[in-house]
Amino acid sequence: MKIAALFLWLLVPLGLWGAIWFYGTPHVAVSYTFHDNGRPYDPLAHRDYVTCTWVGWEGMFTLPAEHSDCPWVRFFRAGP
């Protein structure tokens, strides 16, 4: 039983691998385009986001904004 306890540390890397396989890797928003309603430098102005660009481990992804919003972090999976 003591020998089995030595292998408990393997649960952490296996859990991390499973989470990456299921959800993907995190990507951070670095760029976006938006409609500014005539006030591009006003931080309090309402903005309707059009496209968002995320960069992370799997590369760069540019997609249309969902509901005029760009989340700061999004998960993407590698694949064809």
Protein backbone atom coordinates (compact mmCIF):
# COMPACT_ATOMS: atom_id res chain seq x y z
CA MET A 1 0.00 0.00 0.00
CA LYS A 2 2.90 2.37 0.68
CA ILE A 3 4.24 1.80 -2.83
CA ALA A 4 0.87 2.76 -4.37
CA ALA A 5 0.98 6.07 -2.47
CA LEU A 6 4.24 6.92 -4.26
CA PHE A 7 2.36 7.11 -7.55
CA LEU A 8 -0.35 9.54 -6.39
CA TRP A 9 1.59 12.47 -7.83
CA LEU A 10 0.79 11.10 -11.30
CA LEU A 11 -2.84 12.13 -10.83
CA VAL A 12 -1.95 15.83 -11.19
CA PRO A 13 -0.22 15.60 -14.60
CA LEU A 14 -2.85 13.18 -15.87
CA GLY A 15 -5.62 15.54 -14.75
CA LEU A 16 -3.90 18.47 -16.45
CA TRP A 17 -3.48 16.47 -19.66
CA GLY A 18 -7.15 15.46 -19.54
CA ALA A 19 -8.30 19.06 -19.06
CA ILE A 20 -6.19 20.25 -22.00
CA TRP A 21 -7.49 17.41 -24.16
CA PHE A 22 -11.12 18.17 -23.26
CA TYR A 23 -11.15 22.01 -23.11
CA GLY A 24 -8.06 23.02 -25.11
CA THR A 25 -5.31 25.45 -24.21
CA PRO A 26 -5.94 29.01 -23.00
CA HIS A 27 -5.47 31.91 -25.42
CA VAL A 28 -5.38 35.62 -24.53
CA ALA A 29 -7.15 38.36 -26.52
CA VAL A 30 -4.58 40.65 -28.09
CA SER A 31 -6.53 42.51 -30.76
CA TYR A 32 -10.09 43.36 -31.71
CA THR A 33 -12.10 45.58 -34.03
CA PHE A 34 -15.16 47.44 -32.88
CA HIS A 35 -17.70 50.12 -33.72
CA ASP A 36 -17.00 53.04 -31.37
CA ASN A 37 -20.05 55.26 -31.96
CA GLY A 38 -17.79 58.23 -32.77
CA ARG A 39 -15.69 58.16 -29.56
CA PRO A 40 -12.73 55.79 -30.15
CA TYR A 41 -10.64 56.99 -27.18
CA ASP A 42 -13.39 57.19 -24.58
CA PRO A 43 -13.02 54.16 -22.26
CA LEU A 44 -16.62 54.52 -21.07
CA ALA A 45 -18.16 54.59 -24.56
CA HIS A 46 -20.27 51.63 -25.60
CA ARG A 47 -18.44 49.41 -28.09
CA ASP A 48 -19.87 46.77 -30.35
CA TYR A 49 -17.03 44.34 -31.05
CA VAL A 50 -16.87 42.88 -34.55
CA THR A 51 -13.83 40.57 -34.54
CA CYS A 52 -11.50 39.27 -31.83
CA THR A 53 -7.97 37.85 -32.11
CA TRP A 54 -6.53 35.46 -29.51
CA VAL A 55 -2.94 34.21 -29.26
CA GLY A 56 -1.78 31.17 -27.35
CA TRP A 57 -0.03 27.82 -27.46
CA GLU A 58 -1.96 26.58 -30.52
CA GLY A 59 -1.39 29.76 -32.55
CA MET A 60 -3.47 32.79 -33.47
CA PHE A 61 -7.24 32.69 -33.92
CA THR A 62 -9.37 35.52 -35.35
CA LEU A 63 -13.11 34.97 -35.08
CA PRO A 64 -16.26 37.09 -35.18
CA ALA A 65 -17.33 38.42 -31.80
CA GLU A 66 -20.15 36.60 -30.03
CA HIS A 67 -22.94 38.90 -28.84
CA SER A 68 -20.70 41.95 -29.50
CA ASP A 69 -18.25 40.85 -26.80
CA CYS A 70 -14.64 39.60 -26.71
CA PRO A 71 -13.67 37.55 -23.64
CA TRP A 72 -10.11 38.13 -22.44
CA VAL A 73 -9.32 34.42 -22.26
CA ARG A 74 -10.72 31.69 -24.47
CA PHE A 75 -9.87 28.01 -24.84
CA PHE A 76 -9.06 26.51 -28.25
CA ARG A 77 -8.29 22.94 -29.22
CA ALA A 78 -5.78 21.93 -31.88
CA GLY A 79 -7.14 20.08 -34.81
CA PRO A 80 -8.00 20.20 -38.49
